[in-house]
Amino acid sequence: MILFTNALISLLLHEVQILPSFSAVWFWQLCYSVVSLFGFWLVIAGLKRVDATIGALIGLLEIVFGVAFGILFFREDLTASVVVGGLLIVGAASLPNVWEMIKEKRVLET
């Protein structure tokens, strides 16, 4: 719906409409979009099969892999601020889940 309303407004304002040309850049962008959509679909399908707390902890690995891939593929520097920031983010986001898992373990033991 937004596409149609924006297109209508653009035409009413007599904006210049530029048709995209098919080139290698557009091809690789299309490939990236399809692979990303497929990846997101796989993540959601996988999260349906695990407990929510485990799924949340698995989701935190995105930060770890993002840093690792940045170092491996883009030659980023691993600085102390990156390590501390990553630990703070992962720690703060995982704390409620870990606390819940500890409480569940204590309940099962008693």
PDB file of N, CA and C in Angstrom:
ATOM      1  N   MET A   1       0.823  -1.194   0.000  1.00  0.00           N
ATOM      2  CA  MET A   1       0.000   0.000   0.000  1.00  0.00           C
ATOM      3  C   MET A   1       0.866   1.256   0.000  1.00  0.00           C
ATOM      4  N   ILE A   2       1.945   1.234   0.788  1.00  0.00           N
ATOM      5  CA  ILE A   2       2.821   2.403   0.850  1.00  0.00           C
ATOM      6  C   ILE A   2       3.479   2.640  -0.500  1.00  0.00           C
ATOM      7  N   LEU A   3       3.840   1.556  -1.177  1.00  0.00           N
ATOM      8  CA  LEU A   3       4.470   1.688  -2.492  1.00  0.00           C
ATOM      9  C   LEU A   3       3.554   2.437  -3.454  1.00  0.00           C
ATOM     10  N   PHE A   4       2.283   2.103  -3.441  1.00  0.00           N
ATOM     11  CA  PHE A   4       1.344   2.751  -4.365  1.00  0.00           C
ATOM     12  C   PHE A   4       1.100   4.213  -4.001  1.00  0.00           C
ATOM     13  N   THR A   5       0.968   4.493  -2.712  1.00  0.00           N
ATOM     14  CA  THR A   5       0.724   5.885  -2.320  1.00  0.00           C
ATOM     15  C   THR A   5       1.955   6.740  -2.602  1.00  0.00           C
ATOM     16  N   ASN A   6       3.147   6.218  -2.324  1.00  0.00           N
ATOM     17  CA  ASN A   6       4.356   6.991  -2.620  1.00  0.00           C
ATOM     18  C   ASN A   6       4.545   7.184  -4.112  1.00  0.00           C
ATOM     19  N   ALA A   7       4.230   6.159  -4.901  1.00  0.00           N
ATOM     20  CA  ALA A   7       4.330   6.293  -6.354  1.00  0.00           C
ATOM     21  C   ALA A   7       3.344   7.336  -6.869  1.00  0.00           C
ATOM     22  N   LEU A   8       2.140   7.332  -6.338  1.00  0.00           N
ATOM     23  CA  LEU A   8       1.130   8.302  -6.755  1.00  0.00           C
ATOM     24  C   LEU A   8       1.566   9.729  -6.408  1.00  0.00           C
ATOM     25  N   ILE A   9       2.055   9.924  -5.197  1.00  0.00           N
ATOM     26  CA  ILE A   9       2.512  11.258  -4.784  1.00  0.00           C
ATOM     27  C   ILE A   9       3.688  11.702  -5.641  1.00  0.00           C
ATOM     28  N   SER A  10       4.602  10.770  -5.923  1.00  0.00           N
ATOM     29  CA  SER A  10       5.758  11.094  -6.759  1.00  0.00           C
ATOM     30  C   SER A  10       5.329  11.512  -8.158  1.00  0.00           C
ATOM     31  N   LEU A  11       4.362  10.812  -8.711  1.00  0.00           N
ATOM     32  CA  LEU A  11       3.869  11.180 -10.043  1.00  0.00           C
ATOM     33  C   LEU A  11       3.131  12.512 -10.020  1.00  0.00           C
ATOM     34  N   LEU A  12       2.361  12.775  -8.972  1.00  0.00           N
ATOM     35  CA  LEU A  12       1.643  14.049  -8.867  1.00  0.00           C
ATOM     36  C   LEU A  12       2.598  15.228  -8.718  1.00  0.00           C
ATOM     37  N   LEU A  13       3.749  14.994  -8.097  1.00  0.00           N
ATOM     38  CA  LEU A  13       4.742  16.060  -7.927  1.00  0.00           C
ATOM     39  C   LEU A  13       5.674  16.186  -9.134  1.00  0.00           C
ATOM     40  N   HIS A  14       5.438  15.380 -10.158  1.00  0.00           N
ATOM     41  CA  HIS A  14       6.219  15.398 -11.399  1.00  0.00           C
ATOM     42  C   HIS A  14       7.704  15.153 -11.140  1.00  0.00           C
ATOM     43  N   GLU A  15       7.990  14.215 -10.225  1.00  0.00           N
ATOM     44  CA  GLU A  15       9.376  13.849  -9.984  1.00  0.00           C
ATOM     45  C   GLU A  15       9.881  12.986 -11.132  1.00  0.00           C
ATOM     46  N   VAL A  16      11.158  13.079 -11.375  1.00  0.00           N
ATOM     47  CA  VAL A  16      11.770  12.292 -12.450  1.00  0.00           C
ATOM     48  C   VAL A  16      11.840  10.840 -11.988  1.00  0.00           C
ATOM     49  N   GLN A  17      11.316   9.949 -12.820  1.00  0.00           N
ATOM     50  CA  GLN A  17      11.337   8.528 -12.502  1.00  0.00           C
ATOM     51  C   GLN A  17      12.504   7.866 -13.231  1.00  0.00           C
ATOM     52  N   ILE A  18      13.414   7.282 -12.490  1.00  0.00           N
ATOM     53  CA  ILE A  18      14.577   6.642 -13.076  1.00  0.00           C
ATOM     54  C   ILE A  18      14.394   5.131 -12.965  1.00  0.00           C
ATOM     55  N   LEU A  19      14.412   4.467 -14.102  1.00  0.00           N
ATOM     56  CA  LEU A  19      14.296   3.017 -14.102  1.00  0.00           C
ATOM     57  C   LEU A  19      15.659   2.411 -13.806  1.00  0.00           C
ATOM     58  N   PRO A  20      15.705   1.432 -12.922  1.00  0.00           N
ATOM     59  CA  PRO A  20      17.010   0.826 -12.629  1.00  0.00           C
ATOM     60  C   PRO A  20      17.518   0.029 -13.830  1.00  0.00           C
ATOM     61  N   SER A  21      18.816   0.123 -14.051  1.00  0.00           N
ATOM     62  CA  SER A  21      19.419  -0.657 -15.132  1.00  0.00           C
ATOM     63  C   SER A  21      19.970  -1.948 -14.535  1.00  0.00           C
ATOM     64  N   PHE A  22      19.848  -3.021 -15.288  1.00  0.00           N
ATOM     65  CA  PHE A  22      20.331  -4.298 -14.788  1.00  0.00           C
ATOM     66  C   PHE A  22      21.841  -4.368 -15.013  1.00  0.00           C
ATOM     67  N   SER A  23      22.561  -4.491 -13.922  1.00  0.00           N
ATOM     68  CA  SER A  23      24.010  -4.586 -13.998  1.00  0.00           C
ATOM     69  C   SER A  23      24.475  -5.608 -12.974  1.00  0.00           C
ATOM     70  N   ALA A  24      25.771  -5.795 -12.900  1.00  0.00           N
ATOM     71  CA  ALA A  24      26.333  -6.761 -11.950  1.00  0.00           C
ATOM     72  C   ALA A  24      26.024  -6.355 -10.512  1.00  0.00           C
ATOM     73  N   VAL A  25      26.024  -5.060 -10.268  1.00  0.00           N
ATOM     74  CA  VAL A  25      25.729  -4.583  -8.912  1.00  0.00           C
ATOM     75  C   VAL A  25      24.312  -4.957  -8.513  1.00  0.00           C
ATOM     76  N   TRP A  26      23.354  -4.755  -9.401  1.00  0.00           N
ATOM     77  CA  TRP A  26      21.969  -5.115  -9.105  1.00  0.00           C
ATOM     78  C   TRP A  26      21.809  -6.619  -8.947  1.00  0.00           C
ATOM     79  N   PHE A  27      22.531  -7.391  -9.767  1.00  0.00           N
ATOM     80  CA  PHE A  27      22.469  -8.839  -9.667  1.00  0.00           C
ATOM     81  C   PHE A  27      22.947  -9.313  -8.303  1.00  0.00           C
ATOM     82  N   TRP A  28      24.091  -8.796  -7.843  1.00  0.00           N
ATOM     83  CA  TRP A  28      24.626  -9.229  -6.558  1.00  0.00           C
ATOM     84  C   TRP A  28      23.765  -8.723  -5.403  1.00  0.00           C
ATOM     85  N   GLN A  29      23.143  -7.574  -5.557  1.00  0.00           N
ATOM     86  CA  GLN A  29      22.221  -7.086  -4.533  1.00  0.00           C
ATOM     87  C   GLN A  29      21.001  -7.994  -4.435  1.00  0.00           C
ATOM     88  N   LEU A  30      20.506  -8.432  -5.568  1.00  0.00           N
ATOM     89  CA  LEU A  30      19.380  -9.364  -5.593  1.00  0.00           C
ATOM     90  C   LEU A  30      19.769 -10.697  -4.946  1.00  0.00           C
ATOM     91  N   CYS A  31      20.962 -11.193  -5.270  1.00  0.00           N
ATOM     92  CA  CYS A  31      21.439 -12.443  -4.660  1.00  0.00           C
ATOM     93  C   CYS A  31      21.553 -12.285  -3.149  1.00  0.00           C
ATOM     94  N   TYR A  32      22.108 -11.171  -2.702  1.00  0.00           N
ATOM     95  CA  TYR A  32      22.242 -10.912  -1.268  1.00  0.00           C
ATOM     96  C   TYR A  32      20.873 -10.878  -0.587  1.00  0.00           C
ATOM     97  N   SER A  33      19.901 -10.247  -1.237  1.00  0.00           N
ATOM     98  CA  SER A  33      18.562 -10.157  -0.647  1.00  0.00           C
ATOM     99  C   SER A  33      17.916 -11.530  -0.517  1.00  0.00           C
ATOM    100  N   VAL A  34      18.044 -12.354  -1.545  1.00  0.00           N
ATOM    101  CA  VAL A  34      17.446 -13.692  -1.508  1.00  0.00           C
ATOM    102  C   VAL A  34      18.104 -14.545  -0.434  1.00  0.00           C
ATOM    103  N   VAL A  35      19.428 -14.505  -0.361  1.00  0.00           N
ATOM    104  CA  VAL A  35      20.143 -15.289   0.653  1.00  0.00           C
ATOM    105  C   VAL A  35      19.802 -14.797   2.056  1.00  0.00           C
ATOM    106  N   SER A  36      19.692 -13.485   2.236  1.00  0.00           N
ATOM    107  CA  SER A  36      19.327 -12.940   3.556  1.00  0.00           C
ATOM    108  C   SER A  36      17.927 -13.386   3.968  1.00  0.00           C
ATOM    109  N   LEU A  37      16.976 -13.309   3.054  1.00  0.00           N
ATOM    110  CA  LEU A  37      15.619 -13.749   3.375  1.00  0.00           C
ATOM    111  C   LEU A  37      15.590 -15.230   3.736  1.00  0.00           C
ATOM    112  N   PHE A  38      16.329 -16.031   2.982  1.00  0.00           N
ATOM    113  CA  PHE A  38      16.401 -17.459   3.274  1.00  0.00           C
ATOM    114  C   PHE A  38      17.056 -17.701   4.635  1.00  0.00           C
ATOM    115  N   GLY A  39      18.099 -16.949   4.953  1.00  0.00           N
ATOM    116  CA  GLY A  39      18.759 -17.078   6.249  1.00  0.00           C
ATOM    117  C   GLY A  39      17.841 -16.704   7.403  1.00  0.00           C
ATOM    118  N   PHE A  40      17.112 -15.605   7.257  1.00  0.00           N
ATOM    119  CA  PHE A  40      16.175 -15.202   8.307  1.00  0.00           C
ATOM    120  C   PHE A  40      15.078 -16.250   8.486  1.00  0.00           C
ATOM    121  N   TRP A  41      14.616 -16.817   7.382  1.00  0.00           N
ATOM    122  CA  TRP A  41      13.591 -17.854   7.459  1.00  0.00           C
ATOM    123  C   TRP A  41      14.124 -19.070   8.209  1.00  0.00           C
ATOM    124  N   LEU A  42      15.378 -19.450   7.942  1.00  0.00           N
ATOM    125  CA  LEU A  42      15.975 -20.587   8.648  1.00  0.00           C
ATOM    126  C   LEU A  42      16.126 -20.316  10.138  1.00  0.00           C
ATOM    127  N   VAL A  43      16.486 -19.095  10.498  1.00  0.00           N
ATOM    128  CA  VAL A  43      16.614 -18.747  11.920  1.00  0.00           C
ATOM    129  C   VAL A  43      15.264 -18.886  12.612  1.00  0.00           C
ATOM    130  N   ILE A  44      14.226 -18.359  12.002  1.00  0.00           N
ATOM    131  CA  ILE A  44      12.897 -18.429  12.623  1.00  0.00           C
ATOM    132  C   ILE A  44      12.420 -19.873  12.698  1.00  0.00           C
ATOM    133  N   ALA A  45      12.672 -20.653  11.652  1.00  0.00           N
ATOM    134  CA  ALA A  45      12.294 -22.068  11.675  1.00  0.00           C
ATOM    135  C   ALA A  45      13.068 -22.812  12.762  1.00  0.00           C
ATOM    136  N   GLY A  46      14.324 -22.477  12.951  1.00  0.00           N
ATOM    137  CA  GLY A  46      15.122 -23.117  13.991  1.00  0.00           C
ATOM    138  C   GLY A  46      14.697 -22.717  15.391  1.00  0.00           C
ATOM    139  N   LEU A  47      14.323 -21.455  15.570  1.00  0.00           N
ATOM    140  CA  LEU A  47      13.909 -20.991  16.896  1.00  0.00           C
ATOM    141  C   LEU A  47      12.582 -21.606  17.332  1.00  0.00           C
ATOM    142  N   LYS A  48      11.802 -22.091  16.378  1.00  0.00           N
ATOM    143  CA  LYS A  48      10.558 -22.772  16.727  1.00  0.00           C
ATOM    144  C   LYS A  48      10.826 -24.118  17.392  1.00  0.00           C
ATOM    145  N   ARG A  49      12.023 -24.649  17.202  1.00  0.00           N
ATOM    146  CA  ARG A  49      12.354 -25.988  17.691  1.00  0.00           C
ATOM    147  C   ARG A  49      13.100 -25.998  19.025  1.00  0.00           C
ATOM    148  N   VAL A  50      13.480 -24.850  19.535  1.00  0.00           N
ATOM    149  CA  VAL A  50      14.219 -24.809  20.800  1.00  0.00           C
ATOM    150  C   VAL A  50      13.444 -23.991  21.831  1.00  0.00           C
ATOM    151  N   ASP A  51      13.841 -24.138  23.074  1.00  0.00           N
ATOM    152  CA  ASP A  51      13.253 -23.367  24.162  1.00  0.00           C
ATOM    153  C   ASP A  51      13.577 -21.888  23.967  1.00  0.00           C
ATOM    154  N   ALA A  52      12.723 -21.021  24.464  1.00  0.00           N
ATOM    155  CA  ALA A  52      12.906 -19.581  24.259  1.00  0.00           C
ATOM    156  C   ALA A  52      14.191 -19.069  24.890  1.00  0.00           C
ATOM    157  N   THR A  53      14.543 -19.568  26.072  1.00  0.00           N
ATOM    158  CA  THR A  53      15.767 -19.095  26.724  1.00  0.00           C
ATOM    159  C   THR A  53      16.998 -19.524  25.931  1.00  0.00           C
ATOM    160  N   ILE A  54      16.996 -20.730  25.420  1.00  0.00           N
ATOM    161  CA  ILE A  54      18.117 -21.199  24.604  1.00  0.00           C
ATOM    162  C   ILE A  54      18.171 -20.401  23.300  1.00  0.00           C
ATOM    163  N   GLY A  55      17.022 -20.143  22.707  1.00  0.00           N
ATOM    164  CA  GLY A  55      16.971 -19.350  21.481  1.00  0.00           C
ATOM    165  C   GLY A  55      17.510 -17.942  21.681  1.00  0.00           C
ATOM    166  N   ALA A  56      17.204 -17.345  22.821  1.00  0.00           N
ATOM    167  CA  ALA A  56      17.714 -16.008  23.115  1.00  0.00           C
ATOM    168  C   ALA A  56      19.225 -16.024  23.269  1.00  0.00           C
ATOM    169  N   LEU A  57      19.743 -17.046  23.909  1.00  0.00           N
ATOM    170  CA  LEU A  57      21.199 -17.148  24.068  1.00  0.00           C
ATOM    171  C   LEU A  57      21.884 -17.413  22.736  1.00  0.00           C
ATOM    172  N   ILE A  58      21.251 -18.208  21.880  1.00  0.00           N
ATOM    173  CA  ILE A  58      21.812 -18.452  20.541  1.00  0.00           C
ATOM    174  C   ILE A  58      21.807 -17.149  19.736  1.00  0.00           C
ATOM    175  N   GLY A  59      20.772 -16.357  19.897  1.00  0.00           N
ATOM    176  CA  GLY A  59      20.701 -15.079  19.195  1.00  0.00           C
ATOM    177  C   GLY A  59      21.825 -14.133  19.561  1.00  0.00           C
ATOM    178  N   LEU A  60      22.344 -14.269  20.774  1.00  0.00           N
ATOM    179  CA  LEU A  60      23.447 -13.407  21.203  1.00  0.00           C
ATOM    180  C   LEU A  60      24.747 -13.739  20.480  1.00  0.00           C
ATOM    181  N   LEU A  61      24.827 -14.911  19.887  1.00  0.00           N
ATOM    182  CA  LEU A  61      26.037 -15.272  19.155  1.00  0.00           C
ATOM    183  C   LEU A  61      26.223 -14.424  17.899  1.00  0.00           C
ATOM    184  N   GLU A  62      25.181 -13.709  17.486  1.00  0.00           N
ATOM    185  CA  GLU A  62      25.300 -12.825  16.325  1.00  0.00           C
ATOM    186  C   GLU A  62      26.388 -11.780  16.570  1.00  0.00           C
ATOM    187  N   ILE A  63      26.473 -11.277  17.781  1.00  0.00           N
ATOM    188  CA  ILE A  63      27.490 -10.283  18.115  1.00  0.00           C
ATOM    189  C   ILE A  63      28.877 -10.902  18.025  1.00  0.00           C
ATOM    190  N   VAL A  64      29.030 -12.090  18.577  1.00  0.00           N
ATOM    191  CA  VAL A  64      30.328 -12.765  18.568  1.00  0.00           C
ATOM    192  C   VAL A  64      30.770 -13.053  17.142  1.00  0.00           C
ATOM    193  N   PHE A  65      29.863 -13.596  16.322  1.00  0.00           N
ATOM    194  CA  PHE A  65      30.219 -13.908  14.944  1.00  0.00           C
ATOM    195  C   PHE A  65      30.418 -12.641  14.114  1.00  0.00           C
ATOM    196  N   GLY A  66      29.681 -11.600  14.424  1.00  0.00           N
ATOM    197  CA  GLY A  66      29.883 -10.337  13.711  1.00  0.00           C
ATOM    198  C   GLY A  66      31.282  -9.794  13.923  1.00  0.00           C
ATOM    199  N   VAL A  67      31.754  -9.842  15.161  1.00  0.00           N
ATOM    200  CA  VAL A  67      33.111  -9.391  15.460  1.00  0.00           C
ATOM    201  C   VAL A  67      34.130 -10.323  14.811  1.00  0.00           C
ATOM    202  N   ALA A  68      33.898 -11.634  14.932  1.00  0.00           N
ATOM    203  CA  ALA A  68      34.843 -12.601  14.357  1.00  0.00           C
ATOM    204  C   ALA A  68      34.942 -12.450  12.840  1.00  0.00           C
ATOM    205  N   PHE A  69      33.814 -12.305  12.152  1.00  0.00           N
ATOM    206  CA  PHE A  69      33.850 -12.136  10.700  1.00  0.00           C
ATOM    207  C   PHE A  69      34.471 -10.801  10.307  1.00  0.00           C
ATOM    208  N   GLY A  70      34.250  -9.774  11.121  1.00  0.00           N
ATOM    209  CA  GLY A  70      34.890  -8.488  10.862  1.00  0.00           C
ATOM    210  C   GLY A  70      36.402  -8.585  10.936  1.00  0.00           C
ATOM    211  N   ILE A  71      36.893  -9.352  11.900  1.00  0.00           N
ATOM    212  CA  ILE A  71      38.338  -9.541  12.039  1.00  0.00           C
ATOM    213  C   ILE A  71      38.876 -10.400  10.902  1.00  0.00           C
ATOM    214  N   LEU A  72      38.181 -11.496  10.588  1.00  0.00           N
ATOM    215  CA  LEU A  72      38.683 -12.427   9.576  1.00  0.00           C
ATOM    216  C   LEU A  72      38.593 -11.885   8.155  1.00  0.00           C
ATOM    217  N   PHE A  73      37.455 -11.311   7.792  1.00  0.00           N
ATOM    218  CA  PHE A  73      37.227 -10.947   6.407  1.00  0.00           C
ATOM    219  C   PHE A  73      37.519  -9.477   6.086  1.00  0.00           C
ATOM    220  N   PHE A  74      37.341  -8.602   7.057  1.00  0.00           N
ATOM    221  CA  PHE A  74      37.498  -7.172   6.790  1.00  0.00           C
ATOM    222  C   PHE A  74      38.701  -6.564   7.482  1.00  0.00           C
ATOM    223  N   ARG A  75      39.510  -7.415   8.115  1.00  0.00           N
ATOM    224  CA  ARG A  75      40.745  -7.004   8.777  1.00  0.00           C
ATOM    225  C   ARG A  75      40.517  -5.898   9.808  1.00  0.00           C
ATOM    226  N   GLU A  76      39.424  -6.018  10.541  1.00  0.00           N
ATOM    227  CA  GLU A  76      39.154  -5.086  11.628  1.00  0.00           C
ATOM    228  C   GLU A  76      40.105  -5.378  12.783  1.00  0.00           C
ATOM    229  N   ASP A  77      40.363  -4.374  13.584  1.00  0.00           N
ATOM    230  CA  ASP A  77      41.224  -4.554  14.752  1.00  0.00           C
ATOM    231  C   ASP A  77      40.376  -4.924  15.962  1.00  0.00           C
ATOM    232  N   LEU A  78      40.861  -5.888  16.718  1.00  0.00           N
ATOM    233  CA  LEU A  78      40.188  -6.273  17.957  1.00  0.00           C
ATOM    234  C   LEU A  78      40.787  -5.439  19.081  1.00  0.00           C
ATOM    235  N   THR A  79      40.087  -4.393  19.458  1.00  0.00           N
ATOM    236  CA  THR A  79      40.574  -3.502  20.498  1.00  0.00           C
ATOM    237  C   THR A  79      39.897  -3.831  21.821  1.00  0.00           C
ATOM    238  N   ALA A  80      40.435  -3.266  22.878  1.00  0.00           N
ATOM    239  CA  ALA A  80      39.865  -3.503  24.204  1.00  0.00           C
ATOM    240  C   ALA A  80      38.440  -2.977  24.287  1.00  0.00           C
ATOM    241  N   SER A  81      38.164  -1.865  23.631  1.00  0.00           N
ATOM    242  CA  SER A  81      36.804  -1.311  23.686  1.00  0.00           C
ATOM    243  C   SER A  81      35.803  -2.225  22.986  1.00  0.00           C
ATOM    244  N   VAL A  82      36.226  -2.895  21.912  1.00  0.00           N
ATOM    245  CA  VAL A  82      35.335  -3.838  21.226  1.00  0.00           C
ATOM    246  C   VAL A  82      35.048  -5.031  22.128  1.00  0.00           C
ATOM    247  N   VAL A  83      36.076  -5.538  22.779  1.00  0.00           N
ATOM    248  CA  VAL A  83      35.896  -6.687  23.677  1.00  0.00           C
ATOM    249  C   VAL A  83      34.999  -6.312  24.849  1.00  0.00           C
ATOM    250  N   VAL A  84      35.284  -5.190  25.492  1.00  0.00           N
ATOM    251  CA  VAL A  84      34.486  -4.769  26.652  1.00  0.00           C
ATOM    252  C   VAL A  84      33.048  -4.481  26.234  1.00  0.00           C
ATOM    253  N   GLY A  85      32.866  -3.792  25.109  1.00  0.00           N
ATOM    254  CA  GLY A  85      31.516  -3.501  24.637  1.00  0.00           C
ATOM    255  C   GLY A  85      30.741  -4.766  24.305  1.00  0.00           C
ATOM    256  N   GLY A  86      31.391  -5.705  23.642  1.00  0.00           N
ATOM    257  CA  GLY A  86      30.733  -6.972  23.334  1.00  0.00           C
ATOM    258  C   GLY A  86      30.365  -7.747  24.583  1.00  0.00           C
ATOM    259  N   LEU A  87      31.286  -7.772  25.552  1.00  0.00           N
ATOM    260  CA  LEU A  87      30.991  -8.476  26.812  1.00  0.00           C
ATOM    261  C   LEU A  87      29.844  -7.820  27.567  1.00  0.00           C
ATOM    262  N   LEU A  88      29.793  -6.492  27.550  1.00  0.00           N
ATOM    263  CA  LEU A  88      28.686  -5.800  28.225  1.00  0.00           C
ATOM    264  C   LEU A  88      27.353  -6.094  27.548  1.00  0.00           C
ATOM    265  N   ILE A  89      27.336  -6.068  26.228  1.00  0.00           N
ATOM    266  CA  ILE A  89      26.087  -6.331  25.504  1.00  0.00           C
ATOM    267  C   ILE A  89      25.634  -7.763  25.724  1.00  0.00           C
ATOM    268  N   VAL A  90      26.550  -8.722  25.537  1.00  0.00           N
ATOM    269  CA  VAL A  90      26.187 -10.126  25.703  1.00  0.00           C
ATOM    270  C   VAL A  90      25.802 -10.416  27.145  1.00  0.00           C
ATOM    271  N   GLY A  91      26.559  -9.862  28.087  1.00  0.00           N
ATOM    272  CA  GLY A  91      26.254 -10.085  29.505  1.00  0.00           C
ATOM    273  C   GLY A  91      24.907  -9.517  29.914  1.00  0.00           C
ATOM    274  N   ALA A  92      24.635  -8.289  29.503  1.00  0.00           N
ATOM    275  CA  ALA A  92      23.371  -7.660  29.878  1.00  0.00           C
ATOM    276  C   ALA A  92      22.178  -8.359  29.231  1.00  0.00           C
ATOM    277  N   ALA A  93      22.340  -8.777  27.989  1.00  0.00           N
ATOM    278  CA  ALA A  93      21.225  -9.428  27.306  1.00  0.00           C
ATOM    279  C   ALA A  93      21.011 -10.856  27.775  1.00  0.00           C
ATOM    280  N   SER A  94      22.080 -11.524  28.194  1.00  0.00           N
ATOM    281  CA  SER A  94      21.942 -12.920  28.607  1.00  0.00           C
ATOM    282  C   SER A  94      21.623 -13.077  30.086  1.00  0.00           C
ATOM    283  N   LEU A  95      21.827 -12.051  30.873  1.00  0.00           N
ATOM    284  CA  LEU A  95      21.617 -12.160  32.322  1.00  0.00           C
ATOM    285  C   LEU A  95      20.219 -12.642  32.695  1.00  0.00           C
ATOM    286  N   PRO A  96      19.147 -12.092  32.145  1.00  0.00           N
ATOM    287  CA  PRO A  96      17.814 -12.593  32.508  1.00  0.00           C
ATOM    288  C   PRO A  96      17.612 -14.066  32.124  1.00  0.00           C
ATOM    289  N   ASN A  97      18.139 -14.447  30.977  1.00  0.00           N
ATOM    290  CA  ASN A  97      17.981 -15.833  30.529  1.00  0.00           C
ATOM    291  C   ASN A  97      18.771 -16.793  31.404  1.00  0.00           C
ATOM    292  N   VAL A  98      19.990 -16.413  31.745  1.00  0.00           N
ATOM    293  CA  VAL A  98      20.807 -17.273  32.601  1.00  0.00           C
ATOM    294  C   VAL A  98      20.173 -17.376  33.986  1.00  0.00           C
ATOM    295  N   TRP A  99      19.672 -16.269  34.496  1.00  0.00           N
ATOM    296  CA  TRP A  99      19.025 -16.267  35.811  1.00  0.00           C
ATOM    297  C   TRP A  99      17.815 -17.202  35.805  1.00  0.00           C
ATOM    298  N   GLU A 100      17.038 -17.162  34.731  1.00  0.00           N
ATOM    299  CA  GLU A 100      15.862 -18.032  34.603  1.00  0.00           C
ATOM    300  C   GLU A 100      16.277 -19.495  34.539  1.00  0.00           C
ATOM    301  N   MET A 101      17.349 -19.798  33.831  1.00  0.00           N
ATOM    302  CA  MET A 101      17.824 -21.176  33.745  1.00  0.00           C
ATOM    303  C   MET A 101      18.309 -21.677  35.109  1.00  0.00           C
ATOM    304  N   ILE A 102      18.956 -20.815  35.884  1.00  0.00           N
ATOM    305  CA  ILE A 102      19.417 -21.196  37.225  1.00  0.00           C
ATOM    306  C   ILE A 102      18.226 -21.473  38.125  1.00  0.00           C
ATOM    307  N   LYS A 103      17.196 -20.623  38.043  1.00  0.00           N
ATOM    308  CA  LYS A 103      16.007 -20.840  38.868  1.00  0.00           C
ATOM    309  C   LYS A 103      15.319 -22.145  38.489  1.00  0.00           C
ATOM    310  N   GLU A 104      15.215 -22.438  37.200  1.00  0.00           N
ATOM    311  CA  GLU A 104      14.588 -23.689  36.771  1.00  0.00           C
ATOM    312  C   GLU A 104      15.394 -24.902  37.240  1.00  0.00           C
ATOM    313  N   LYS A 105      16.701 -24.794  37.219  1.00  0.00           N
ATOM    314  CA  LYS A 105      17.541 -25.899  37.659  1.00  0.00           C
ATOM    315  C   LYS A 105      17.359 -26.140  39.147  1.00  0.00           C
ATOM    316  N   ARG A 106      17.248 -25.061  39.949  1.00  0.00           N
ATOM    317  CA  ARG A 106      17.034 -25.220  41.391  1.00  0.00           C
ATOM    318  C   ARG A 106      15.694 -25.840  41.686  1.00  0.00           C
ATOM    319  N   VAL A 107      14.670 -25.496  40.914  1.00  0.00           N
ATOM    320  CA  VAL A 107      13.341 -26.060  41.115  1.00  0.00           C
ATOM    321  C   VAL A 107      13.355 -27.556  40.802  1.00  0.00           C
ATOM    322  N   LEU A 108      14.062 -27.925  39.737  1.00  0.00           N
ATOM    323  CA  LEU A 108      14.123 -29.342  39.371  1.00  0.00           C
ATOM    324  C   LEU A 108      14.923 -30.155  40.374  1.00  0.00           C
ATOM    325  N   GLU A 109      15.920 -29.563  41.024  1.00  0.00           N
ATOM    326  CA  GLU A 109      16.726 -30.281  41.987  1.00  0.00           C
ATOM    327  C   GLU A 109      15.998 -30.513  43.305  1.00  0.00           C
ATOM    328  N   THR A 110      15.064 -29.655  43.640  1.00  0.00           N
ATOM    329  CA  THR A 110      14.346 -29.810  44.911  1.00  0.00           C
ATOM    330  C   THR A 110      13.117 -30.666  44.781  1.00  0.00           C
TER     331      THR A 110
END
